[in-house]
PDB file of N, CA and C in Angstrom:
ATOM      1  N   UNK A   1      11.525  -4.039  -2.230  1.00  0.00           N
ATOM      2  CA  UNK A   1      10.653  -3.972  -3.381  1.00  0.00           C
ATOM      3  C   UNK A   1      10.361  -2.491  -3.646  1.00  0.00           C
ATOM      4  N   UNK A   2      10.423  -2.076  -4.879  1.00  0.00           N
ATOM      5  CA  UNK A   2      10.111  -0.697  -5.260  1.00  0.00           C
ATOM      6  C   UNK A   2       8.642  -0.583  -5.634  1.00  0.00           C
ATOM      7  N   UNK A   3       8.049   0.565  -5.332  1.00  0.00           N
ATOM      8  CA  UNK A   3       6.633   0.793  -5.618  1.00  0.00           C
ATOM      9  C   UNK A   3       6.410   2.236  -6.028  1.00  0.00           C
ATOM     10  N   UNK A   4       5.357   2.451  -6.809  1.00  0.00           N
ATOM     11  CA  UNK A   4       4.942   3.793  -7.203  1.00  0.00           C
ATOM     12  C   UNK A   4       3.585   4.071  -6.555  1.00  0.00           C
ATOM     13  N   UNK A   5       3.459   5.231  -5.919  1.00  0.00           N
ATOM     14  CA  UNK A   5       2.196   5.609  -5.289  1.00  0.00           C
ATOM     15  C   UNK A   5       1.214   5.996  -6.387  1.00  0.00           C
ATOM     16  N   UNK A   6       0.081   5.300  -6.449  1.00  0.00           N
ATOM     17  CA  UNK A   6      -0.936   5.570  -7.468  1.00  0.00           C
ATOM     18  C   UNK A   6      -2.137   6.323  -6.910  1.00  0.00           C
ATOM     19  N   UNK A   7      -2.484   6.062  -5.645  1.00  0.00           N
ATOM     20  CA  UNK A   7      -3.639   6.709  -5.005  1.00  0.00           C
ATOM     21  C   UNK A   7      -3.290   6.944  -3.541  1.00  0.00           C
ATOM     22  N   UNK A   8      -3.687   8.106  -3.003  1.00  0.00           N
ATOM     23  CA  UNK A   8      -3.564   8.387  -1.571  1.00  0.00           C
ATOM     24  C   UNK A   8      -4.945   8.766  -1.066  1.00  0.00           C
ATOM     25  N   UNK A   9      -5.432   8.030  -0.074  1.00  0.00           N
ATOM     26  CA  UNK A   9      -6.724   8.332   0.534  1.00  0.00           C
ATOM     27  C   UNK A   9      -6.509   8.705   1.990  1.00  0.00           C
ATOM     28  N   UNK A  10      -6.757   9.971   2.342  1.00  0.00           N
ATOM     29  CA  UNK A  10      -6.586  10.446   3.713  1.00  0.00           C
ATOM     30  C   UNK A  10      -7.890  10.230   4.468  1.00  0.00           C
ATOM     31  N   UNK A  11      -7.815   9.472   5.576  1.00  0.00           N
ATOM     32  CA  UNK A  11      -9.007   9.134   6.344  1.00  0.00           C
ATOM     33  C   UNK A  11      -8.782   9.419   7.830  1.00  0.00           C
ATOM     34  N   UNK A  12      -8.415  10.638   8.165  1.00  0.00           N
ATOM     35  CA  UNK A  12      -8.212  11.000   9.559  1.00  0.00           C
ATOM     36  C   UNK A  12      -6.907  10.444  10.101  1.00  0.00           C
ATOM     37  N   UNK A  13      -7.005   9.519  11.067  1.00  0.00           N
ATOM     38  CA  UNK A  13      -5.818   8.970  11.719  1.00  0.00           C
ATOM     39  C   UNK A  13      -5.005   8.066  10.798  1.00  0.00           C
ATOM     40  N   UNK A  14      -5.608   7.561   9.749  1.00  0.00           N
ATOM     41  CA  UNK A  14      -4.926   6.676   8.796  1.00  0.00           C
ATOM     42  C   UNK A  14      -5.024   7.229   7.386  1.00  0.00           C
ATOM     43  N   UNK A  15      -4.077   6.815   6.579  1.00  0.00           N
ATOM     44  CA  UNK A  15      -4.131   7.042   5.137  1.00  0.00           C
ATOM     45  C   UNK A  15      -3.981   5.692   4.466  1.00  0.00           C
ATOM     46  N   UNK A  16      -4.637   5.508   3.335  1.00  0.00           N
ATOM     47  CA  UNK A  16      -4.481   4.290   2.568  1.00  0.00           C
ATOM     48  C   UNK A  16      -3.832   4.640   1.240  1.00  0.00           C
ATOM     49  N   UNK A  17      -2.756   3.934   0.914  1.00  0.00           N
ATOM     50  CA  UNK A  17      -2.033   4.155  -0.326  1.00  0.00           C
ATOM     51  C   UNK A  17      -2.233   2.941  -1.216  1.00  0.00           C
ATOM     52  N   UNK A  18      -2.509   3.181  -2.475  1.00  0.00           N
ATOM     53  CA  UNK A  18      -2.505   2.088  -3.444  1.00  0.00           C
ATOM     54  C   UNK A  18      -1.208   2.231  -4.219  1.00  0.00           C
ATOM     55  N   UNK A  19      -0.432   1.153  -4.172  1.00  0.00           N
ATOM     56  CA  UNK A  19       0.901   1.149  -4.754  1.00  0.00           C
ATOM     57  C   UNK A  19       0.953   0.178  -5.918  1.00  0.00           C
ATOM     58  N   UNK A  20       1.694   0.525  -6.937  1.00  0.00           N
ATOM     59  CA  UNK A  20       1.930  -0.370  -8.057  1.00  0.00           C
ATOM     60  C   UNK A  20       3.343  -0.914  -7.979  1.00  0.00           C
ATOM     61  N   UNK A  21       3.477  -2.242  -8.076  1.00  0.00           N
ATOM     62  CA  UNK A  21       4.795  -2.879  -8.057  1.00  0.00           C
ATOM     63  C   UNK A  21       4.913  -3.832  -9.234  1.00  0.00           C
ATOM     64  N   UNK A  22       6.135  -4.064  -9.671  1.00  0.00           N
ATOM     65  CA  UNK A  22       6.347  -5.055 -10.736  1.00  0.00           C
ATOM     66  C   UNK A  22       6.257  -6.464 -10.165  1.00  0.00           C
ATOM     67  N   UNK A  23       6.756  -6.654  -8.936  1.00  0.00           N
ATOM     68  CA  UNK A  23       6.834  -7.994  -8.356  1.00  0.00           C
ATOM     69  C   UNK A  23       5.493  -8.517  -7.862  1.00  0.00           C
ATOM     70  N   UNK A  24       4.654  -7.643  -7.288  1.00  0.00           N
ATOM     71  CA  UNK A  24       3.426  -8.106  -6.619  1.00  0.00           C
ATOM     72  C   UNK A  24       2.155  -7.465  -7.160  1.00  0.00           C
ATOM     73  N   UNK A  25       2.241  -6.691  -8.206  1.00  0.00           N
ATOM     74  CA  UNK A  25       1.053  -6.007  -8.723  1.00  0.00           C
ATOM     75  C   UNK A  25       0.639  -4.870  -7.800  1.00  0.00           C
ATOM     76  N   UNK A  26      -0.646  -4.720  -7.561  1.00  0.00           N
ATOM     77  CA  UNK A  26      -1.170  -3.648  -6.712  1.00  0.00           C
ATOM     78  C   UNK A  26      -1.128  -4.057  -5.240  1.00  0.00           C
ATOM     79  N   UNK A  27      -0.725  -3.121  -4.391  1.00  0.00           N
ATOM     80  CA  UNK A  27      -0.691  -3.330  -2.943  1.00  0.00           C
ATOM     81  C   UNK A  27      -1.419  -2.165  -2.301  1.00  0.00           C
ATOM     82  N   UNK A  28      -2.290  -2.458  -1.329  1.00  0.00           N
ATOM     83  CA  UNK A  28      -2.921  -1.409  -0.525  1.00  0.00           C
ATOM     84  C   UNK A  28      -2.202  -1.377   0.805  1.00  0.00           C
ATOM     85  N   UNK A  29      -1.753  -0.191   1.190  1.00  0.00           N
ATOM     86  CA  UNK A  29      -0.954  -0.014   2.387  1.00  0.00           C
ATOM     87  C   UNK A  29      -1.633   0.973   3.318  1.00  0.00           C
ATOM     88  N   UNK A  30      -1.779   0.613   4.586  1.00  0.00           N
ATOM     89  CA  UNK A  30      -2.288   1.563   5.579  1.00  0.00           C
ATOM     90  C   UNK A  30      -1.103   2.292   6.180  1.00  0.00           C
ATOM     91  N   UNK A  31      -1.149   3.613   6.171  1.00  0.00           N
ATOM     92  CA  UNK A  31      -0.063   4.440   6.692  1.00  0.00           C
ATOM     93  C   UNK A  31      -0.626   5.445   7.687  1.00  0.00           C
ATOM     94  N   UNK A  32       0.259   6.138   8.361  1.00  0.00           N
ATOM     95  CA  UNK A  32      -0.129   7.194   9.288  1.00  0.00           C
ATOM     96  C   UNK A  32      -0.926   8.264   8.542  1.00  0.00           C
ATOM     97  N   UNK A  33      -1.891   8.851   9.209  1.00  0.00           N
ATOM     98  CA  UNK A  33      -2.731   9.870   8.593  1.00  0.00           C
ATOM     99  C   UNK A  33      -1.970  11.108   8.153  1.00  0.00           C
ATOM    100  N   UNK A  34      -0.780  11.305   8.702  1.00  0.00           N
ATOM    101  CA  UNK A  34       0.034  12.472   8.349  1.00  0.00           C
ATOM    102  C   UNK A  34       1.091  12.147   7.297  1.00  0.00           C
ATOM    103  N   UNK A  35       0.896  11.079   6.547  1.00  0.00           N
ATOM    104  CA  UNK A  35       1.893  10.692   5.552  1.00  0.00           C
ATOM    105  C   UNK A  35       2.147  11.831   4.565  1.00  0.00           C
ATOM    106  N   UNK A  36       3.378  11.919   4.129  1.00  0.00           N
ATOM    107  CA  UNK A  36       3.730  12.939   3.130  1.00  0.00           C
ATOM    108  C   UNK A  36       3.730  12.346   1.721  1.00  0.00           C
ATOM    109  N   UNK A  37       3.352  11.070   1.592  1.00  0.00           N
ATOM    110  CA  UNK A  37       3.338  10.420   0.279  1.00  0.00           C
ATOM    111  C   UNK A  37       2.356  11.113  -0.656  1.00  0.00           C
ATOM    112  N   UNK A  38       2.769  11.232  -1.905  1.00  0.00           N
ATOM    113  CA  UNK A  38       1.938  11.863  -2.931  1.00  0.00           C
ATOM    114  C   UNK A  38       1.900  10.966  -4.157  1.00  0.00           C
ATOM    115  N   UNK A  39       0.836  11.072  -4.934  1.00  0.00           N
ATOM    116  CA  UNK A  39       0.722  10.311  -6.181  1.00  0.00           C
ATOM    117  C   UNK A  39       1.946  10.600  -7.046  1.00  0.00           C
ATOM    118  N   UNK A  40       2.535   9.538  -7.561  1.00  0.00           N
ATOM    119  CA  UNK A  40       3.723   9.665  -8.402  1.00  0.00           C
ATOM    120  C   UNK A  40       5.019   9.417  -7.655  1.00  0.00           C
ATOM    121  N   UNK A  41       4.989   9.451  -6.311  1.00  0.00           N
ATOM    122  CA  UNK A  41       6.200   9.181  -5.533  1.00  0.00           C
ATOM    123  C   UNK A  41       6.658   7.750  -5.761  1.00  0.00           C
ATOM    124  N   UNK A  42       7.953   7.548  -5.751  1.00  0.00           N
ATOM    125  CA  UNK A  42       8.553   6.211  -5.798  1.00  0.00           C
ATOM    126  C   UNK A  42       9.046   5.909  -4.390  1.00  0.00           C
ATOM    127  N   UNK A  43       8.638   4.748  -3.854  1.00  0.00           N
ATOM    128  CA  UNK A  43       9.031   4.388  -2.501  1.00  0.00           C
ATOM    129  C   UNK A  43       9.547   2.956  -2.474  1.00  0.00           C
ATOM    130  N   UNK A  44      10.326   2.641  -1.465  1.00  0.00           N
ATOM    131  CA  UNK A  44      10.805   1.283  -1.252  1.00  0.00           C
ATOM    132  C   UNK A  44       9.980   0.624  -0.164  1.00  0.00           C
ATOM    133  N   UNK A  45       9.709  -0.664  -0.299  1.00  0.00           N
ATOM    134  CA  UNK A  45       8.925  -1.414   0.684  1.00  0.00           C
ATOM    135  C   UNK A  45       9.741  -2.547   1.260  1.00  0.00           C
ATOM    136  N   UNK A  46       9.574  -2.763   2.558  1.00  0.00           N
ATOM    137  CA  UNK A  46      10.118  -3.931   3.246  1.00  0.00           C
ATOM    138  C   UNK A  46       9.021  -4.439   4.161  1.00  0.00           C
ATOM    139  N   UNK A  47       8.803  -5.731   4.204  1.00  0.00           N
ATOM    140  CA  UNK A  47       7.739  -6.296   5.027  1.00  0.00           C
ATOM    141  C   UNK A  47       8.201  -6.476   6.466  1.00  0.00           C
ATOM    142  N   UNK A  48       7.373  -6.015   7.397  1.00  0.00           N
ATOM    143  CA  UNK A  48       7.603  -6.270   8.816  1.00  0.00           C
ATOM    144  C   UNK A  48       6.263  -6.133   9.521  1.00  0.00           C
ATOM    145  N   UNK A  49       6.069  -6.858  10.596  1.00  0.00           N
ATOM    146  CA  UNK A  49       4.801  -6.779  11.308  1.00  0.00           C
ATOM    147  C   UNK A  49       3.734  -7.613  10.625  1.00  0.00           C
ATOM    148  N   UNK A  50       2.494  -7.188  10.788  1.00  0.00           N
ATOM    149  CA  UNK A  50       1.359  -7.946  10.242  1.00  0.00           C
ATOM    150  C   UNK A  50       1.188  -7.713   8.752  1.00  0.00           C
ATOM    151  N   UNK A  51       0.823  -8.779   8.067  1.00  0.00           N
ATOM    152  CA  UNK A  51       0.536  -8.717   6.644  1.00  0.00           C
ATOM    153  C   UNK A  51      -0.767  -9.467   6.407  1.00  0.00           C
ATOM    154  N   UNK A  52      -1.717  -8.838   5.759  1.00  0.00           N
ATOM    155  CA  UNK A  52      -2.985  -9.465   5.402  1.00  0.00           C
ATOM    156  C   UNK A  52      -3.028  -9.549   3.879  1.00  0.00           C
ATOM    157  N   UNK A  53      -3.127 -10.759   3.347  1.00  0.00           N
ATOM    158  CA  UNK A  53      -3.107 -10.951   1.902  1.00  0.00           C
ATOM    159  C   UNK A  53      -4.434 -11.538   1.429  1.00  0.00           C
ATOM    160  N   UNK A  54      -4.860 -11.114   0.229  1.00  0.00           N
ATOM    161  CA  UNK A  54      -6.137 -11.542  -0.339  1.00  0.00           C
ATOM    162  C   UNK A  54      -5.949 -11.862  -1.810  1.00  0.00           C
ATOM    163  N   UNK A  55      -6.778 -12.782  -2.329  1.00  0.00           N
ATOM    164  CA  UNK A  55      -6.786 -13.076  -3.753  1.00  0.00           C
ATOM    165  C   UNK A  55      -7.561 -11.982  -4.482  1.00  0.00           C
ATOM    166  N   UNK A  56      -7.560 -12.032  -5.811  1.00  0.00           N
ATOM    167  CA  UNK A  56      -8.298 -11.048  -6.600  1.00  0.00           C
ATOM    168  C   UNK A  56      -9.797 -11.122  -6.313  1.00  0.00           C
ATOM    169  N   UNK A  57     -10.286 -12.300  -5.895  1.00  0.00           N
ATOM    170  CA  UNK A  57     -11.719 -12.431  -5.570  1.00  0.00           C
ATOM    171  C   UNK A  57     -11.992 -12.091  -4.104  1.00  0.00           C
ATOM    172  N   UNK A  58     -11.016 -11.502  -3.433  1.00  0.00           N
ATOM    173  CA  UNK A  58     -11.111 -11.000  -2.058  1.00  0.00           C
ATOM    174  C   UNK A  58     -11.167 -12.082  -0.985  1.00  0.00           C
ATOM    175  N   UNK A  59     -10.726 -13.282  -1.313  1.00  0.00           N
ATOM    176  CA  UNK A  59     -10.624 -14.341  -0.308  1.00  0.00           C
ATOM    177  C   UNK A  59      -9.298 -14.190   0.430  1.00  0.00           C
ATOM    178  N   UNK A  60      -9.327 -14.342   1.747  1.00  0.00           N
ATOM    179  CA  UNK A  60      -8.112 -14.213   2.542  1.00  0.00           C
ATOM    180  C   UNK A  60      -7.153 -15.371   2.243  1.00  0.00           C
ATOM    181  N   UNK A  61      -5.873 -15.039   2.181  1.00  0.00           N
ATOM    182  CA  UNK A  61      -4.828 -16.036   2.017  1.00  0.00           C
ATOM    183  C   UNK A  61      -4.207 -16.229   3.394  1.00  0.00           C
ATOM    184  N   UNK A  62      -4.211 -17.468   3.877  1.00  0.00           N
ATOM    185  CA  UNK A  62      -3.656 -17.697   5.224  1.00  0.00           C
ATOM    186  C   UNK A  62      -2.259 -18.239   5.171  1.00  0.00           C
TER     187      UNK A  62
END
Protein backbone atom coordinates (compact mmCIF):
# COMPACT_ATOMS: atom_id res chain seq x y z
CA UNK A 1 0.00 0.00 0.00
CA UNK A 2 1.36 3.46 -0.86
CA UNK A 3 1.12 6.32 1.63
CA UNK A 4 2.02 10.00 1.87
CA UNK A 5 3.48 11.34 5.12
CA UNK A 6 1.22 14.17 6.31
CA UNK A 7 2.45 14.73 9.89
CA UNK A 8 5.59 13.69 11.82
CA UNK A 9 5.55 13.94 15.60
CA UNK A 10 8.91 13.29 17.30
CA UNK A 11 8.43 12.08 20.88
CA UNK A 12 11.85 10.93 22.09
CA UNK A 13 12.24 7.17 21.58
CA UNK A 14 9.23 7.05 19.22
CA UNK A 15 7.87 9.09 16.37
CA UNK A 16 4.26 9.07 15.24
CA UNK A 17 3.49 9.52 11.55
CA UNK A 18 0.08 10.33 10.16
CA UNK A 19 -0.15 8.85 6.70
CA UNK A 20 -2.70 9.37 3.97
CA UNK A 21 -3.65 6.38 1.80
CA UNK A 22 -6.21 5.86 -0.94
CA UNK A 23 -7.07 2.34 0.25
CA UNK A 24 -7.43 2.91 4.02
CA UNK A 25 -7.73 6.66 4.54
CA UNK A 26 -5.62 8.03 7.41
CA UNK A 27 -3.23 5.73 9.28
CA UNK A 28 -1.24 6.58 12.41
CA UNK A 29 2.06 4.74 12.53
CA UNK A 30 4.50 4.47 15.44
CA UNK A 31 8.09 4.51 14.19
CA UNK A 32 11.57 4.71 15.67
CA UNK A 33 12.37 8.10 17.19
CA UNK A 34 15.23 8.52 14.71
CA UNK A 35 13.02 8.16 11.63
CA UNK A 36 14.13 10.13 8.60
CA UNK A 37 10.54 10.45 7.32
CA UNK A 38 9.49 13.98 6.44
CA UNK A 39 6.15 15.56 5.53
CA UNK A 40 5.53 15.01 1.83
CA UNK A 41 7.52 11.76 1.61
CA UNK A 42 5.90 8.89 -0.28
CA UNK A 43 6.38 5.53 1.41
CA UNK A 44 5.25 1.95 0.90
CA UNK A 45 3.52 0.01 3.70
CA UNK A 46 3.33 -3.70 4.41
CA UNK A 47 1.60 -5.08 7.50
CA UNK A 48 3.57 -7.28 9.88
CA UNK A 49 3.51 -7.72 13.64
CA UNK A 50 0.84 -6.12 15.80
CA UNK A 51 -1.94 -4.03 14.33
CA UNK A 52 -4.40 -2.02 16.43
CA UNK A 53 -7.43 -0.79 14.49
CA UNK A 54 -10.13 1.68 15.59
CA UNK A 55 -13.34 3.09 14.13
CA UNK A 56 -13.79 6.82 13.52
CA UNK A 57 -15.51 7.02 16.94
CA UNK A 58 -12.34 5.50 18.50
CA UNK A 59 -13.85 2.11 19.33
CA UNK A 60 -11.37 -0.76 19.03
CA UNK A 61 -11.92 -3.21 16.19
CA UNK A 62 -11.11 -6.76 17.26
